[in-house]
Amino acid sequence: MFTIGQQVQQEFGTQVMKIIDFEPDLIENVITQWEDEEGTIVTGKFMESQLLPAEE
């Protein structure tokens, strides 16, 4: 179970993202946010099974 504010990444990805919210009624219920190379804030939605706690 993840929590808001937790740092996560995809199983085969390197991008570290912060969980900003949950949408319990949707399959892709974890809403994440991160900053890309240009400094743009990007928001994404993932299933919990696609994410792992980010390695420090």
N, C-alpha and C. Protein backbone atom coordinates (compact mmCIF):
# COMPACT_ATOMS: atom_id res chain seq x y z
N MET A 1 0.86 -1.19 0.00
CA MET A 1 0.00 0.00 0.00
C MET A 1 0.89 1.24 0.00
N PHE A 2 0.59 2.15 -0.88
CA PHE A 2 1.37 3.39 -1.00
C PHE A 2 0.68 4.52 -0.24
N THR A 3 1.42 5.61 -0.01
CA THR A 3 0.87 6.77 0.67
C THR A 3 1.18 8.03 -0.13
N ILE A 4 0.36 9.06 0.05
CA ILE A 4 0.60 10.34 -0.61
C ILE A 4 1.93 10.90 -0.12
N GLY A 5 2.71 11.39 -1.07
CA GLY A 5 4.02 11.94 -0.74
C GLY A 5 5.15 10.93 -0.90
N GLN A 6 4.80 9.65 -1.05
CA GLN A 6 5.82 8.61 -1.19
C GLN A 6 6.49 8.69 -2.56
N GLN A 7 7.79 8.42 -2.61
CA GLN A 7 8.55 8.38 -3.85
C GLN A 7 8.46 6.97 -4.42
N VAL A 8 8.07 6.87 -5.71
CA VAL A 8 7.93 5.58 -6.37
C VAL A 8 8.56 5.63 -7.75
N GLN A 9 8.73 4.45 -8.35
CA GLN A 9 9.16 4.38 -9.74
C GLN A 9 8.56 3.13 -10.35
N GLN A 10 8.53 3.10 -11.70
CA GLN A 10 8.02 1.93 -12.38
C GLN A 10 9.02 0.79 -12.26
N GLU A 11 8.51 -0.43 -12.39
CA GLU A 11 9.35 -1.62 -12.19
C GLU A 11 10.61 -1.59 -13.06
N PHE A 12 10.48 -1.16 -14.32
CA PHE A 12 11.64 -1.16 -15.20
C PHE A 12 12.05 0.26 -15.59
N GLY A 13 11.61 1.25 -14.82
CA GLY A 13 11.92 2.64 -15.12
C GLY A 13 12.92 3.23 -14.15
N THR A 14 13.46 4.37 -14.54
CA THR A 14 14.41 5.06 -13.66
C THR A 14 13.83 6.35 -13.10
N GLN A 15 12.72 6.83 -13.68
CA GLN A 15 12.12 8.10 -13.26
C GLN A 15 11.51 7.95 -11.87
N VAL A 16 11.98 8.77 -10.92
CA VAL A 16 11.39 8.78 -9.58
C VAL A 16 10.24 9.77 -9.56
N MET A 17 9.10 9.32 -9.06
CA MET A 17 7.87 10.13 -9.05
C MET A 17 7.34 10.20 -7.63
N LYS A 18 6.61 11.27 -7.35
CA LYS A 18 5.97 11.42 -6.04
C LYS A 18 4.48 11.16 -6.20
N ILE A 19 3.91 10.36 -5.29
CA ILE A 19 2.46 10.13 -5.31
C ILE A 19 1.77 11.38 -4.77
N ILE A 20 0.84 11.92 -5.57
CA ILE A 20 0.15 13.14 -5.15
C ILE A 20 -1.32 12.90 -4.80
N ASP A 21 -1.89 11.75 -5.24
CA ASP A 21 -3.31 11.50 -4.95
C ASP A 21 -3.67 10.08 -5.37
N PHE A 22 -4.88 9.66 -5.02
CA PHE A 22 -5.41 8.36 -5.42
C PHE A 22 -6.81 8.55 -5.98
N GLU A 23 -7.20 7.71 -6.96
CA GLU A 23 -8.56 7.67 -7.48
C GLU A 23 -9.06 6.24 -7.30
N PRO A 24 -9.66 5.95 -6.16
CA PRO A 24 -9.99 4.56 -5.81
C PRO A 24 -10.93 3.86 -6.79
N ASP A 25 -11.72 4.60 -7.55
CA ASP A 25 -12.69 3.96 -8.44
C ASP A 25 -12.10 3.55 -9.78
N LEU A 26 -10.85 3.92 -10.05
CA LEU A 26 -10.24 3.62 -11.34
C LEU A 26 -9.19 2.51 -11.21
N ILE A 27 -8.95 1.80 -12.30
CA ILE A 27 -7.91 0.77 -12.31
C ILE A 27 -6.55 1.43 -12.15
N GLU A 28 -6.30 2.48 -12.94
CA GLU A 28 -5.06 3.24 -12.78
C GLU A 28 -5.32 4.29 -11.71
N ASN A 29 -5.17 3.88 -10.44
CA ASN A 29 -5.67 4.68 -9.34
C ASN A 29 -4.61 5.50 -8.61
N VAL A 30 -3.33 5.36 -8.99
CA VAL A 30 -2.27 6.11 -8.32
C VAL A 30 -1.87 7.27 -9.21
N ILE A 31 -2.00 8.51 -8.70
CA ILE A 31 -1.63 9.69 -9.47
C ILE A 31 -0.26 10.16 -9.00
N THR A 32 0.66 10.28 -9.96
CA THR A 32 2.03 10.67 -9.63
C THR A 32 2.41 11.95 -10.35
N GLN A 33 3.48 12.56 -9.86
CA GLN A 33 3.97 13.80 -10.48
C GLN A 33 5.49 13.79 -10.42
N TRP A 34 6.12 14.31 -11.47
CA TRP A 34 7.57 14.43 -11.51
C TRP A 34 7.95 15.56 -12.44
N GLU A 35 9.21 15.93 -12.41
CA GLU A 35 9.72 17.02 -13.24
C GLU A 35 10.60 16.42 -14.33
N ASP A 36 10.32 16.76 -15.60
CA ASP A 36 11.12 16.21 -16.69
C ASP A 36 12.41 17.00 -16.89
N GLU A 37 13.18 16.63 -17.91
CA GLU A 37 14.50 17.25 -18.14
C GLU A 37 14.41 18.75 -18.39
N GLU A 38 13.30 19.22 -18.96
CA GLU A 38 13.13 20.65 -19.23
C GLU A 38 12.54 21.41 -18.06
N GLY A 39 12.27 20.72 -16.96
CA GLY A 39 11.70 21.39 -15.79
C GLY A 39 10.18 21.45 -15.80
N THR A 40 9.55 20.74 -16.75
CA THR A 40 8.09 20.70 -16.82
C THR A 40 7.56 19.69 -15.82
N ILE A 41 6.52 20.09 -15.08
CA ILE A 41 5.88 19.17 -14.14
C ILE A 41 4.93 18.26 -14.93
N VAL A 42 5.13 16.96 -14.79
CA VAL A 42 4.34 15.97 -15.51
C VAL A 42 3.54 15.15 -14.50
N THR A 43 2.28 14.88 -14.85
CA THR A 43 1.41 14.07 -14.00
C THR A 43 1.09 12.78 -14.74
N GLY A 44 1.10 11.65 -14.02
CA GLY A 44 0.78 10.37 -14.62
C GLY A 44 -0.11 9.55 -13.72
N LYS A 45 -0.78 8.55 -14.33
CA LYS A 45 -1.63 7.64 -13.57
C LYS A 45 -1.14 6.22 -13.80
N PHE A 46 -1.05 5.46 -12.72
CA PHE A 46 -0.55 4.10 -12.79
C PHE A 46 -1.38 3.17 -11.92
N MET A 47 -1.33 1.88 -12.24
CA MET A 47 -1.88 0.87 -11.36
C MET A 47 -0.84 0.63 -10.26
N GLU A 48 -1.29 0.30 -9.06
CA GLU A 48 -0.35 0.04 -7.97
C GLU A 48 0.65 -1.05 -8.34
N SER A 49 0.21 -2.04 -9.12
CA SER A 49 1.09 -3.16 -9.47
C SER A 49 2.24 -2.74 -10.40
N GLN A 50 2.12 -1.55 -11.03
CA GLN A 50 3.18 -1.05 -11.92
C GLN A 50 4.28 -0.31 -11.16
N LEU A 51 4.06 -0.02 -9.88
CA LEU A 51 4.96 0.85 -9.14
C LEU A 51 5.67 0.10 -8.01
N LEU A 52 6.87 0.58 -7.73
CA LEU A 52 7.67 0.09 -6.60
C LEU A 52 8.14 1.28 -5.80
N PRO A 53 8.40 1.11 -4.50
CA PRO A 53 9.01 2.21 -3.75
C PRO A 53 10.34 2.59 -4.39
N ALA A 54 10.61 3.87 -4.52
CA ALA A 54 11.85 4.33 -5.16
C ALA A 54 13.05 3.95 -4.31
N GLU A 55 14.11 3.55 -5.00
CA GLU A 55 15.36 3.25 -4.30
C GLU A 55 16.05 4.55 -3.97
N GLU A 56 16.54 4.63 -2.77
CA GLU A 56 17.19 5.88 -2.31
C GLU A 56 18.52 6.08 -3.01
